């Protein structure tokens, strides 16, 4: 997955916007103001921080040592840093991004979640 493909996939979800609150190099992808992905799109190897269920986070780190690690500069219990360099399948990366988006949406107030369901 290329940086362009990663960014495009994240932006394909409902009500997602890209922001650069930390610096022009750090892309923060948010749904209704809540971050679900953060990436230094110009870094090599390409990495993305993604929200994750704490139990799944531990399992994923064990299954993919070095490729999925505790979230860099994030709450290590709820965030993973995923290396997107081709060793992990694009399908797995897409699933992890979607899971992160879904977790953030699930934490939104009911009224905001309902807004997302409208066309």
PDB file of N, CA and C in Angstrom:
ATOM      1  N   UNK A   1       0.855  -1.178   0.000  1.00  0.00           N
ATOM      2  CA  UNK A   1       0.000   0.000   0.000  1.00  0.00           C
ATOM      3  C   UNK A   1       0.895   1.235   0.000  1.00  0.00           C
ATOM      4  N   UNK A   2       0.600   2.135  -0.893  1.00  0.00           N
ATOM      5  CA  UNK A   2       1.361   3.370  -1.004  1.00  0.00           C
ATOM      6  C   UNK A   2       0.772   4.430  -0.063  1.00  0.00           C
ATOM      7  N   UNK A   3       1.518   5.502   0.199  1.00  0.00           N
ATOM      8  CA  UNK A   3       0.954   6.587   1.008  1.00  0.00           C
ATOM      9  C   UNK A   3      -0.342   7.143   0.399  1.00  0.00           C
ATOM     10  N   UNK A   4      -0.372   7.278  -0.924  1.00  0.00           N
ATOM     11  CA  UNK A   4      -1.578   7.777  -1.594  1.00  0.00           C
ATOM     12  C   UNK A   4      -2.758   6.822  -1.368  1.00  0.00           C
ATOM     13  N   UNK A   5      -2.522   5.519  -1.500  1.00  0.00           N
ATOM     14  CA  UNK A   5      -3.587   4.532  -1.302  1.00  0.00           C
ATOM     15  C   UNK A   5      -4.069   4.522   0.146  1.00  0.00           C
ATOM     16  N   UNK A   6      -3.141   4.641   1.091  1.00  0.00           N
ATOM     17  CA  UNK A   6      -3.503   4.685   2.512  1.00  0.00           C
ATOM     18  C   UNK A   6      -4.395   5.895   2.786  1.00  0.00           C
ATOM     19  N   UNK A   7      -3.972   7.037   2.335  1.00  0.00           N
ATOM     20  CA  UNK A   7      -4.736   8.271   2.544  1.00  0.00           C
ATOM     21  C   UNK A   7      -6.103   8.180   1.878  1.00  0.00           C
ATOM     22  N   UNK A   8      -6.143   7.718   0.636  1.00  0.00           N
ATOM     23  CA  UNK A   8      -7.407   7.608  -0.102  1.00  0.00           C
ATOM     24  C   UNK A   8      -8.366   6.636   0.574  1.00  0.00           C
ATOM     25  N   UNK A   9      -7.848   5.525   1.080  1.00  0.00           N
ATOM     26  CA  UNK A   9      -8.720   4.559   1.749  1.00  0.00           C
ATOM     27  C   UNK A   9      -9.315   5.171   3.013  1.00  0.00           C
ATOM     28  N   UNK A  10      -8.500   5.842   3.797  1.00  0.00           N
ATOM     29  CA  UNK A  10      -9.008   6.479   5.015  1.00  0.00           C
ATOM     30  C   UNK A  10     -10.065   7.530   4.683  1.00  0.00           C
ATOM     31  N   UNK A  11      -9.835   8.307   3.648  1.00  0.00           N
ATOM     32  CA  UNK A  11     -10.773   9.364   3.277  1.00  0.00           C
ATOM     33  C   UNK A  11     -12.055   8.818   2.643  1.00  0.00           C
ATOM     34  N   UNK A  12     -12.076   7.537   2.300  1.00  0.00           N
ATOM     35  CA  UNK A  12     -13.265   6.960   1.674  1.00  0.00           C
ATOM     36  C   UNK A  12     -14.395   6.699   2.669  1.00  0.00           C
ATOM     37  N   UNK A  13     -14.096   6.729   3.950  1.00  0.00           N
ATOM     38  CA  UNK A  13     -15.120   6.487   4.964  1.00  0.00           C
ATOM     39  C   UNK A  13     -15.993   7.727   5.149  1.00  0.00           C
ATOM     40  N   UNK A  14     -17.195   7.504   5.612  1.00  0.00           N
ATOM     41  CA  UNK A  14     -18.190   8.547   5.803  1.00  0.00           C
ATOM     42  C   UNK A  14     -17.710   9.620   6.794  1.00  0.00           C
ATOM     43  N   UNK A  15     -17.815  10.873   6.407  1.00  0.00           N
ATOM     44  CA  UNK A  15     -17.535  12.047   7.250  1.00  0.00           C
ATOM     45  C   UNK A  15     -16.093  12.151   7.735  1.00  0.00           C
ATOM     46  N   UNK A  16     -15.158  11.624   6.982  1.00  0.00           N
ATOM     47  CA  UNK A  16     -13.743  11.703   7.359  1.00  0.00           C
ATOM     48  C   UNK A  16     -13.114  12.948   6.740  1.00  0.00           C
ATOM     49  N   UNK A  17     -12.323  13.626   7.554  1.00  0.00           N
ATOM     50  CA  UNK A  17     -11.540  14.765   7.082  1.00  0.00           C
ATOM     51  C   UNK A  17     -10.085  14.559   7.489  1.00  0.00           C
ATOM     52  N   UNK A  18      -9.211  15.180   6.718  1.00  0.00           N
ATOM     53  CA  UNK A  18      -7.788  15.138   7.016  1.00  0.00           C
ATOM     54  C   UNK A  18      -7.396  16.469   7.624  1.00  0.00           C
ATOM     55  N   UNK A  19      -6.545  16.394   8.656  1.00  0.00           N
ATOM     56  CA  UNK A  19      -6.110  17.590   9.362  1.00  0.00           C
ATOM     57  C   UNK A  19      -4.610  17.464   9.604  1.00  0.00           C
ATOM     58  N   UNK A  20      -3.953  18.584   9.853  1.00  0.00           N
ATOM     59  CA  UNK A  20      -2.514  18.602  10.130  1.00  0.00           C
ATOM     60  C   UNK A  20      -2.255  19.444  11.377  1.00  0.00           C
ATOM     61  N   UNK A  21      -2.796  19.038  12.542  1.00  0.00           N
ATOM     62  CA  UNK A  21      -2.684  19.861  13.743  1.00  0.00           C
ATOM     63  C   UNK A  21      -1.290  19.886  14.366  1.00  0.00           C
ATOM     64  N   UNK A  22      -0.467  18.890  14.070  1.00  0.00           N
ATOM     65  CA  UNK A  22       0.846  18.785  14.713  1.00  0.00           C
ATOM     66  C   UNK A  22       1.947  19.384  13.857  1.00  0.00           C
ATOM     67  N   UNK A  23       1.899  19.102  12.559  1.00  0.00           N
ATOM     68  CA  UNK A  23       2.867  19.655  11.613  1.00  0.00           C
ATOM     69  C   UNK A  23       2.378  19.313  10.205  1.00  0.00           C
ATOM     70  N   UNK A  24       2.929  19.973   9.195  1.00  0.00           N
ATOM     71  CA  UNK A  24       2.487  19.703   7.823  1.00  0.00           C
ATOM     72  C   UNK A  24       2.820  18.285   7.345  1.00  0.00           C
ATOM     73  N   UNK A  25       3.700  17.587   8.048  1.00  0.00           N
ATOM     74  CA  UNK A  25       4.113  16.246   7.639  1.00  0.00           C
ATOM     75  C   UNK A  25       3.251  15.141   8.248  1.00  0.00           C
ATOM     76  N   UNK A  26       2.467  15.471   9.264  1.00  0.00           N
ATOM     77  CA  UNK A  26       1.716  14.449   9.990  1.00  0.00           C
ATOM     78  C   UNK A  26       0.234  14.561   9.645  1.00  0.00           C
ATOM     79  N   UNK A  27      -0.241  13.584   8.887  1.00  0.00           N
ATOM     80  CA  UNK A  27      -1.645  13.535   8.476  1.00  0.00           C
ATOM     81  C   UNK A  27      -2.473  12.886   9.581  1.00  0.00           C
ATOM     82  N   UNK A  28      -3.496  13.601  10.037  1.00  0.00           N
ATOM     83  CA  UNK A  28      -4.414  13.085  11.052  1.00  0.00           C
ATOM     84  C   UNK A  28      -5.779  12.957  10.397  1.00  0.00           C
ATOM     85  N   UNK A  29      -6.324  11.745  10.416  1.00  0.00           N
ATOM     86  CA  UNK A  29      -7.623  11.487   9.806  1.00  0.00           C
ATOM     87  C   UNK A  29      -8.648  11.325  10.905  1.00  0.00           C
ATOM     88  N   UNK A  30      -9.732  12.103  10.768  1.00  0.00           N
ATOM     89  CA  UNK A  30     -10.731  12.180  11.832  1.00  0.00           C
ATOM     90  C   UNK A  30     -12.125  11.927  11.279  1.00  0.00           C
ATOM     91  N   UNK A  31     -12.963  11.337  12.133  1.00  0.00           N
ATOM     92  CA  UNK A  31     -14.381  11.217  11.846  1.00  0.00           C
ATOM     93  C   UNK A  31     -15.114  12.062  12.888  1.00  0.00           C
ATOM     94  N   UNK A  32     -15.847  13.044  12.419  1.00  0.00           N
ATOM     95  CA  UNK A  32     -16.570  13.978  13.291  1.00  0.00           C
ATOM     96  C   UNK A  32     -15.688  14.502  14.420  1.00  0.00           C
ATOM     97  N   UNK A  33     -14.459  14.872  14.070  1.00  0.00           N
ATOM     98  CA  UNK A  33     -13.537  15.489  15.012  1.00  0.00           C
ATOM     99  C   UNK A  33     -12.731  14.544  15.865  1.00  0.00           C
ATOM    100  N   UNK A  34     -12.931  13.232  15.720  1.00  0.00           N
ATOM    101  CA  UNK A  34     -12.205  12.242  16.524  1.00  0.00           C
ATOM    102  C   UNK A  34     -11.211  11.484  15.641  1.00  0.00           C
ATOM    103  N   UNK A  35      -9.962  11.446  16.073  1.00  0.00           N
ATOM    104  CA  UNK A  35      -8.897  10.803  15.313  1.00  0.00           C
ATOM    105  C   UNK A  35      -9.058   9.286  15.289  1.00  0.00           C
ATOM    106  N   UNK A  36      -8.879   8.694  14.088  1.00  0.00           N
ATOM    107  CA  UNK A  36      -8.838   7.236  13.985  1.00  0.00           C
ATOM    108  C   UNK A  36      -7.569   6.757  13.284  1.00  0.00           C
ATOM    109  N   UNK A  37      -6.836   7.667  12.636  1.00  0.00           N
ATOM    110  CA  UNK A  37      -5.584   7.298  11.982  1.00  0.00           C
ATOM    111  C   UNK A  37      -4.645   8.495  11.970  1.00  0.00           C
ATOM    112  N   UNK A  38      -3.356   8.208  12.107  1.00  0.00           N
ATOM    113  CA  UNK A  38      -2.323   9.240  12.099  1.00  0.00           C
ATOM    114  C   UNK A  38      -1.135   8.659  11.363  1.00  0.00           C
ATOM    115  N   UNK A  39      -0.600   9.406  10.387  1.00  0.00           N
ATOM    116  CA  UNK A  39       0.517   8.871   9.613  1.00  0.00           C
ATOM    117  C   UNK A  39       1.467   9.975   9.185  1.00  0.00           C
ATOM    118  N   UNK A  40       2.745   9.634   9.181  1.00  0.00           N
ATOM    119  CA  UNK A  40       3.779  10.457   8.555  1.00  0.00           C
ATOM    120  C   UNK A  40       3.872   9.897   7.141  1.00  0.00           C
ATOM    121  N   UNK A  41       3.109  10.466   6.216  1.00  0.00           N
ATOM    122  CA  UNK A  41       2.974   9.882   4.883  1.00  0.00           C
ATOM    123  C   UNK A  41       4.269   9.880   4.084  1.00  0.00           C
ATOM    124  N   UNK A  42       5.233  10.725   4.455  1.00  0.00           N
ATOM    125  CA  UNK A  42       6.495  10.779   3.722  1.00  0.00           C
ATOM    126  C   UNK A  42       7.576   9.884   4.320  1.00  0.00           C
ATOM    127  N   UNK A  43       7.317   9.291   5.488  1.00  0.00           N
ATOM    128  CA  UNK A  43       8.324   8.448   6.130  1.00  0.00           C
ATOM    129  C   UNK A  43       8.470   7.112   5.413  1.00  0.00           C
ATOM    130  N   UNK A  44       9.659   6.579   5.471  1.00  0.00           N
ATOM    131  CA  UNK A  44       9.919   5.226   4.982  1.00  0.00           C
ATOM    132  C   UNK A  44      10.604   4.457   6.083  1.00  0.00           C
ATOM    133  N   UNK A  45      10.108   3.327   6.506  1.00  0.00           N
ATOM    134  CA  UNK A  45       8.895   2.713   5.978  1.00  0.00           C
ATOM    135  C   UNK A  45       7.652   3.497   6.396  1.00  0.00           C
ATOM    136  N   UNK A  46       6.612   3.366   5.587  1.00  0.00           N
ATOM    137  CA  UNK A  46       5.335   4.009   5.861  1.00  0.00           C
ATOM    138  C   UNK A  46       4.692   3.344   7.075  1.00  0.00           C
ATOM    139  N   UNK A  47       4.249   4.165   8.034  1.00  0.00           N
ATOM    140  CA  UNK A  47       3.549   3.648   9.208  1.00  0.00           C
ATOM    141  C   UNK A  47       2.265   4.439   9.418  1.00  0.00           C
ATOM    142  N   UNK A  48       1.344   3.819  10.141  1.00  0.00           N
ATOM    143  CA  UNK A  48       0.096   4.490  10.497  1.00  0.00           C
ATOM    144  C   UNK A  48      -0.280   4.057  11.906  1.00  0.00           C
ATOM    145  N   UNK A  49      -0.667   5.013  12.727  1.00  0.00           N
ATOM    146  CA  UNK A  49      -1.183   4.716  14.065  1.00  0.00           C
ATOM    147  C   UNK A  49      -2.688   4.514  13.947  1.00  0.00           C
ATOM    148  N   UNK A  50      -3.162   3.397  14.523  1.00  0.00           N
ATOM    149  CA  UNK A  50      -4.573   3.051  14.444  1.00  0.00           C
ATOM    150  C   UNK A  50      -5.105   2.645  15.804  1.00  0.00           C
ATOM    151  N   UNK A  51      -6.318   3.060  16.087  1.00  0.00           N
ATOM    152  CA  UNK A  51      -6.983   2.668  17.330  1.00  0.00           C
ATOM    153  C   UNK A  51      -7.314   1.177  17.246  1.00  0.00           C
ATOM    154  N   UNK A  52      -7.260   0.505  18.408  1.00  0.00           N
ATOM    155  CA  UNK A  52      -7.476  -0.933  18.413  1.00  0.00           C
ATOM    156  C   UNK A  52      -8.057  -1.366  19.756  1.00  0.00           C
ATOM    157  N   UNK A  53      -8.923  -2.352  19.728  1.00  0.00           N
ATOM    158  CA  UNK A  53      -9.404  -2.955  20.965  1.00  0.00           C
ATOM    159  C   UNK A  53      -8.185  -3.459  21.731  1.00  0.00           C
ATOM    160  N   UNK A  54      -8.089  -3.208  23.050  1.00  0.00           N
ATOM    161  CA  UNK A  54      -6.887  -3.585  23.795  1.00  0.00           C
ATOM    162  C   UNK A  54      -6.502  -5.066  23.677  1.00  0.00           C
ATOM    163  N   UNK A  55      -7.468  -5.967  23.709  1.00  0.00           N
ATOM    164  CA  UNK A  55      -7.136  -7.396  23.590  1.00  0.00           C
ATOM    165  C   UNK A  55      -6.649  -7.723  22.185  1.00  0.00           C
ATOM    166  N   UNK A  56      -7.276  -7.136  21.181  1.00  0.00           N
ATOM    167  CA  UNK A  56      -6.827  -7.353  19.809  1.00  0.00           C
ATOM    168  C   UNK A  56      -5.442  -6.751  19.592  1.00  0.00           C
ATOM    169  N   UNK A  57      -5.175  -5.624  20.228  1.00  0.00           N
ATOM    170  CA  UNK A  57      -3.871  -4.979  20.077  1.00  0.00           C
ATOM    171  C   UNK A  57      -2.749  -5.916  20.515  1.00  0.00           C
ATOM    172  N   UNK A  58      -2.930  -6.557  21.650  1.00  0.00           N
ATOM    173  CA  UNK A  58      -1.915  -7.482  22.156  1.00  0.00           C
ATOM    174  C   UNK A  58      -1.749  -8.671  21.217  1.00  0.00           C
ATOM    175  N   UNK A  59      -2.866  -9.221  20.758  1.00  0.00           N
ATOM    176  CA  UNK A  59      -2.823 -10.383  19.855  1.00  0.00           C
ATOM    177  C   UNK A  59      -2.121 -10.015  18.540  1.00  0.00           C
ATOM    178  N   UNK A  60      -2.477  -8.873  17.968  1.00  0.00           N
ATOM    179  CA  UNK A  60      -1.871  -8.457  16.706  1.00  0.00           C
ATOM    180  C   UNK A  60      -0.368  -8.237  16.841  1.00  0.00           C
ATOM    181  N   UNK A  61       0.055  -7.653  17.949  1.00  0.00           N
ATOM    182  CA  UNK A  61       1.490  -7.435  18.175  1.00  0.00           C
ATOM    183  C   UNK A  61       2.233  -8.762  18.250  1.00  0.00           C
ATOM    184  N   UNK A  62       1.607  -9.759  18.891  1.00  0.00           N
ATOM    185  CA  UNK A  62       2.232 -11.078  19.007  1.00  0.00           C
ATOM    186  C   UNK A  62       2.275 -11.791  17.652  1.00  0.00           C
ATOM    187  N   UNK A  63       1.225 -11.638  16.857  1.00  0.00           N
ATOM    188  CA  UNK A  63       1.155 -12.305  15.549  1.00  0.00           C
ATOM    189  C   UNK A  63       2.063 -11.658  14.508  1.00  0.00           C
ATOM    190  N   UNK A  64       2.338 -10.367  14.661  1.00  0.00           N
ATOM    191  CA  UNK A  64       3.122  -9.626  13.667  1.00  0.00           C
ATOM    192  C   UNK A  64       4.220  -8.813  14.351  1.00  0.00           C
ATOM    193  N   UNK A  65       5.165  -9.496  15.030  1.00  0.00           N
ATOM    194  CA  UNK A  65       6.203  -8.766  15.771  1.00  0.00           C
ATOM    195  C   UNK A  65       7.023  -7.861  14.846  1.00  0.00           C
ATOM    196  N   UNK A  66       7.230  -6.649  15.320  1.00  0.00           N
ATOM    197  CA  UNK A  66       8.006  -5.679  14.562  1.00  0.00           C
ATOM    198  C   UNK A  66       7.199  -4.940  13.515  1.00  0.00           C
ATOM    199  N   UNK A  67       6.114  -5.532  13.052  1.00  0.00           N
ATOM    200  CA  UNK A  67       5.275  -4.897  12.033  1.00  0.00           C
ATOM    201  C   UNK A  67       4.091  -4.158  12.660  1.00  0.00           C
ATOM    202  N   UNK A  68       3.622  -4.672  13.800  1.00  0.00           N
ATOM    203  CA  UNK A  68       2.567  -4.013  14.574  1.00  0.00           C
ATOM    204  C   UNK A  68       3.104  -3.890  15.988  1.00  0.00           C
ATOM    205  N   UNK A  69       3.283  -2.657  16.415  1.00  0.00           N
ATOM    206  CA  UNK A  69       3.883  -2.388  17.723  1.00  0.00           C
ATOM    207  C   UNK A  69       2.985  -1.425  18.500  1.00  0.00           C
ATOM    208  N   UNK A  70       3.230  -1.265  19.805  1.00  0.00           N
ATOM    209  CA  UNK A  70       2.439  -0.284  20.560  1.00  0.00           C
ATOM    210  C   UNK A  70       2.529   1.090  19.910  1.00  0.00           C
ATOM    211  N   UNK A  71       1.436   1.812  19.934  1.00  0.00           N
ATOM    212  CA  UNK A  71       1.324   3.093  19.243  1.00  0.00           C
ATOM    213  C   UNK A  71       2.392   4.100  19.635  1.00  0.00           C
ATOM    214  N   UNK A  72       3.131   4.576  18.650  1.00  0.00           N
ATOM    215  CA  UNK A  72       4.178   5.567  18.849  1.00  0.00           C
ATOM    216  C   UNK A  72       3.546   6.881  19.289  1.00  0.00           C
ATOM    217  N   UNK A  73       3.960   7.379  20.449  1.00  0.00           N
ATOM    218  CA  UNK A  73       3.440   8.625  21.035  1.00  0.00           C
ATOM    219  C   UNK A  73       1.929   8.587  21.277  1.00  0.00           C
ATOM    220  N   UNK A  74       1.396   7.382  21.540  1.00  0.00           N
ATOM    221  CA  UNK A  74      -0.037   7.220  21.757  1.00  0.00           C
ATOM    222  C   UNK A  74      -0.245   6.377  23.013  1.00  0.00           C
ATOM    223  N   UNK A  75      -1.494   6.272  23.437  1.00  0.00           N
ATOM    224  CA  UNK A  75      -1.840   5.378  24.537  1.00  0.00           C
ATOM    225  C   UNK A  75      -1.590   3.945  24.055  1.00  0.00           C
ATOM    226  N   UNK A  76      -0.594   3.294  24.621  1.00  0.00           N
ATOM    227  CA  UNK A  76      -0.150   1.977  24.145  1.00  0.00           C
ATOM    228  C   UNK A  76      -1.210   0.892  24.326  1.00  0.00           C
ATOM    229  N   UNK A  77      -2.155   1.128  25.191  1.00  0.00           N
ATOM    230  CA  UNK A  77      -3.222   0.139  25.410  1.00  0.00           C
ATOM    231  C   UNK A  77      -4.231   0.146  24.260  1.00  0.00           C
ATOM    232  N   UNK A  78      -4.477   1.312  23.678  1.00  0.00           N
ATOM    233  CA  UNK A  78      -5.544   1.460  22.685  1.00  0.00           C
ATOM    234  C   UNK A  78      -5.069   1.754  21.262  1.00  0.00           C
ATOM    235  N   UNK A  79      -3.780   1.935  21.074  1.00  0.00           N
ATOM    236  CA  UNK A  79      -3.273   2.303  19.758  1.00  0.00           C
ATOM    237  C   UNK A  79      -2.094   1.426  19.355  1.00  0.00           C
ATOM    238  N   UNK A  80      -2.058   1.067  18.072  1.00  0.00           N
ATOM    239  CA  UNK A  80      -0.937   0.345  17.482  1.00  0.00           C
ATOM    240  C   UNK A  80      -0.335   1.187  16.372  1.00  0.00           C
ATOM    241  N   UNK A  81       0.972   1.031  16.182  1.00  0.00           N
ATOM    242  CA  UNK A  81       1.636   1.565  15.007  1.00  0.00           C
ATOM    243  C   UNK A  81       1.845   0.398  14.058  1.00  0.00           C
ATOM    244  N   UNK A  82       1.301   0.537  12.851  1.00  0.00           N
ATOM    245  CA  UNK A  82       1.334  -0.522  11.847  1.00  0.00           C
ATOM    246  C   UNK A  82       2.291  -0.101  10.734  1.00  0.00           C
ATOM    247  N   UNK A  83       3.267  -0.951  10.435  1.00  0.00           N
ATOM    248  CA  UNK A  83       4.190  -0.687   9.331  1.00  0.00           C
ATOM    249  C   UNK A  83       3.544  -1.171   8.041  1.00  0.00           C
ATOM    250  N   UNK A  84       3.431  -0.256   7.105  1.00  0.00           N
ATOM    251  CA  UNK A  84       2.730  -0.525   5.848  1.00  0.00           C
ATOM    252  C   UNK A  84       3.777  -0.558   4.735  1.00  0.00           C
ATOM    253  N   UNK A  85       4.553  -1.636   4.668  1.00  0.00           N
ATOM    254  CA  UNK A  85       5.630  -1.690   3.681  1.00  0.00           C
ATOM    255  C   UNK A  85       5.528  -2.885   2.753  1.00  0.00           C
ATOM    256  N   UNK A  86       4.413  -3.582   2.792  1.00  0.00           N
ATOM    257  CA  UNK A  86       4.248  -4.734   1.921  1.00  0.00           C
ATOM    258  C   UNK A  86       4.361  -6.066   2.629  1.00  0.00           C
ATOM    259  N   UNK A  87       4.986  -6.094   3.818  1.00  0.00           N
ATOM    260  CA  UNK A  87       5.097  -7.364   4.531  1.00  0.00           C
ATOM    261  C   UNK A  87       3.727  -7.805   5.059  1.00  0.00           C
ATOM    262  N   UNK A  88       2.948  -6.847   5.553  1.00  0.00           N
ATOM    263  CA  UNK A  88       1.558  -7.141   5.928  1.00  0.00           C
ATOM    264  C   UNK A  88       0.715  -7.019   4.659  1.00  0.00           C
ATOM    265  N   UNK A  89      -0.282  -7.858   4.538  1.00  0.00           N
ATOM    266  CA  UNK A  89      -1.128  -7.771   3.343  1.00  0.00           C
ATOM    267  C   UNK A  89      -1.922  -6.466   3.351  1.00  0.00           C
ATOM    268  N   UNK A  90      -2.180  -5.952   2.162  1.00  0.00           N
ATOM    269  CA  UNK A  90      -3.004  -4.750   2.053  1.00  0.00           C
ATOM    270  C   UNK A  90      -4.378  -5.002   2.654  1.00  0.00           C
ATOM    271  N   UNK A  91      -4.880  -6.218   2.499  1.00  0.00           N
ATOM    272  CA  UNK A  91      -6.196  -6.560   3.051  1.00  0.00           C
ATOM    273  C   UNK A  91      -6.195  -6.415   4.569  1.00  0.00           C
ATOM    274  N   UNK A  92      -5.148  -6.911   5.242  1.00  0.00           N
ATOM    275  CA  UNK A  92      -5.060  -6.777   6.706  1.00  0.00           C
ATOM    276  C   UNK A  92      -4.987  -5.303   7.092  1.00  0.00           C
ATOM    277  N   UNK A  93      -4.181  -4.528   6.387  1.00  0.00           N
ATOM    278  CA  UNK A  93      -4.057  -3.102   6.700  1.00  0.00           C
ATOM    279  C   UNK A  93      -5.412  -2.417   6.548  1.00  0.00           C
ATOM    280  N   UNK A  94      -6.130  -2.722   5.460  1.00  0.00           N
ATOM    281  CA  UNK A  94      -7.460  -2.133   5.268  1.00  0.00           C
ATOM    282  C   UNK A  94      -8.408  -2.532   6.402  1.00  0.00           C
ATOM    283  N   UNK A  95      -8.348  -3.788   6.832  1.00  0.00           N
ATOM    284  CA  UNK A  95      -9.201  -4.249   7.939  1.00  0.00           C
ATOM    285  C   UNK A  95      -8.872  -3.505   9.232  1.00  0.00           C
ATOM    286  N   UNK A  96      -7.588  -3.286   9.501  1.00  0.00           N
ATOM    287  CA  UNK A  96      -7.183  -2.572  10.711  1.00  0.00           C
ATOM    288  C   UNK A  96      -7.632  -1.119  10.673  1.00  0.00           C
ATOM    289  N   UNK A  97      -7.560  -0.501   9.492  1.00  0.00           N
ATOM    290  CA  UNK A  97      -8.033   0.881   9.351  1.00  0.00           C
ATOM    291  C   UNK A  97      -9.541   0.928   9.589  1.00  0.00           C
ATOM    292  N   UNK A  98     -10.263   0.005   8.976  1.00  0.00           N
ATOM    293  CA  UNK A  98     -11.722  -0.020   9.151  1.00  0.00           C
ATOM    294  C   UNK A  98     -12.102  -0.282  10.604  1.00  0.00           C
ATOM    295  N   UNK A  99     -11.381  -1.185  11.271  1.00  0.00           N
ATOM    296  CA  UNK A  99     -11.641  -1.444  12.689  1.00  0.00           C
ATOM    297  C   UNK A  99     -11.420  -0.183  13.526  1.00  0.00           C
ATOM    298  N   UNK A 100     -10.361   0.564  13.217  1.00  0.00           N
ATOM    299  CA  UNK A 100     -10.069   1.789  13.949  1.00  0.00           C
ATOM    300  C   UNK A 100     -11.205   2.794  13.757  1.00  0.00           C
ATOM    301  N   UNK A 101     -11.632   2.970  12.518  1.00  0.00           N
ATOM    302  CA  UNK A 101     -12.753   3.879  12.228  1.00  0.00           C
ATOM    303  C   UNK A 101     -13.997   3.445  13.001  1.00  0.00           C
ATOM    304  N   UNK A 102     -14.308   2.146  12.947  1.00  0.00           N
ATOM    305  CA  UNK A 102     -15.504   1.625  13.625  1.00  0.00           C
ATOM    306  C   UNK A 102     -15.446   1.830  15.132  1.00  0.00           C
ATOM    307  N   UNK A 103     -14.269   1.636  15.732  1.00  0.00           N
ATOM    308  CA  UNK A 103     -14.124   1.848  17.173  1.00  0.00           C
ATOM    309  C   UNK A 103     -14.383   3.306  17.548  1.00  0.00           C
ATOM    310  N   UNK A 104     -13.850   4.213  16.756  1.00  0.00           N
ATOM    311  CA  UNK A 104     -14.050   5.636  17.040  1.00  0.00           C
ATOM    312  C   UNK A 104     -15.520   6.001  16.860  1.00  0.00           C
ATOM    313  N   UNK A 105     -16.142   5.515  15.804  1.00  0.00           N
ATOM    314  CA  UNK A 105     -17.559   5.799  15.575  1.00  0.00           C
ATOM    315  C   UNK A 105     -18.398   5.240  16.722  1.00  0.00           C
ATOM    316  N   UNK A 106     -18.079   4.044  17.188  1.00  0.00           N
ATOM    317  CA  UNK A 106     -18.841   3.431  18.289  1.00  0.00           C
ATOM    318  C   UNK A 106     -18.770   4.274  19.556  1.00  0.00           C
ATOM    319  N   UNK A 107     -17.704   5.047  19.719  1.00  0.00           N
ATOM    320  CA  UNK A 107     -17.550   5.892  20.897  1.00  0.00           C
ATOM    321  C   UNK A 107     -18.205   7.259  20.780  1.00  0.00           C
ATOM    322  N   UNK A 108     -18.740   7.565  19.623  1.00  0.00           N
ATOM    323  CA  UNK A 108     -19.408   8.855  19.431  1.00  0.00           C
ATOM    324  C   UNK A 108     -20.786   8.849  20.091  1.00  0.00           C
ATOM    325  N   UNK A 109     -21.285  10.007  20.464  1.00  0.00           N
ATOM    326  CA  UNK A 109     -22.650  10.082  20.985  1.00  0.00           C
ATOM    327  C   UNK A 109     -23.641   9.553  19.939  1.00  0.00           C
ATOM    328  N   UNK A 110     -24.735   9.014  20.417  1.00  0.00           N
ATOM    329  CA  UNK A 110     -25.726   8.378  19.546  1.00  0.00           C
ATOM    330  C   UNK A 110     -26.189   9.310  18.418  1.00  0.00           C
ATOM    331  N   UNK A 111     -26.443  10.543  18.727  1.00  0.00           N
ATOM    332  CA  UNK A 111     -26.917  11.491  17.714  1.00  0.00           C
ATOM    333  C   UNK A 111     -25.900  11.652  16.584  1.00  0.00           C
ATOM    334  N   UNK A 112     -24.627  11.671  16.916  1.00  0.00           N
ATOM    335  CA  UNK A 112     -23.592  11.795  15.888  1.00  0.00           C
ATOM    336  C   UNK A 112     -23.484  10.515  15.066  1.00  0.00           C
ATOM    337  N   UNK A 113     -23.605   9.360  15.725  1.00  0.00           N
ATOM    338  CA  UNK A 113     -23.588   8.088  14.990  1.00  0.00           C
ATOM    339  C   UNK A 113     -24.742   8.037  13.994  1.00  0.00           C
ATOM    340  N   UNK A 114     -25.906   8.505  14.408  1.00  0.00           N
ATOM    341  CA  UNK A 114     -27.071   8.500  13.522  1.00  0.00           C
ATOM    342  C   UNK A 114     -26.855   9.428  12.323  1.00  0.00           C
ATOM    343  N   UNK A 115     -26.182  10.551  12.555  1.00  0.00           N
ATOM    344  CA  UNK A 115     -25.854  11.464  11.443  1.00  0.00           C
ATOM    345  C   UNK A 115     -25.004  10.780  10.384  1.00  0.00           C
ATOM    346  N   UNK A 116     -24.123   9.884  10.817  1.00  0.00           N
ATOM    347  CA  UNK A 116     -23.258   9.176   9.870  1.00  0.00           C
ATOM    348  C   UNK A 116     -24.051   8.228   8.985  1.00  0.00           C
ATOM    349  N   UNK A 117     -25.165   7.712   9.485  1.00  0.00           N
ATOM    350  CA  UNK A 117     -25.952   6.745   8.725  1.00  0.00           C
ATOM    351  C   UNK A 117     -26.803   7.398   7.645  1.00  0.00           C
ATOM    352  N   UNK A 118     -26.972   8.700   7.714  1.00  0.00           N
ATOM    353  CA  UNK A 118     -27.782   9.399   6.713  1.00  0.00           C
ATOM    354  C   UNK A 118     -26.970   9.610   5.440  1.00  0.00           C
ATOM    355  N   UNK A 119     -27.651   9.514   4.296  1.00  0.00           N
ATOM    356  CA  UNK A 119     -26.943   9.761   3.024  1.00  0.00           C
ATOM    357  C   UNK A 119     -26.544  11.208   2.849  1.00  0.00           C
TER     358      UNK A 119
END
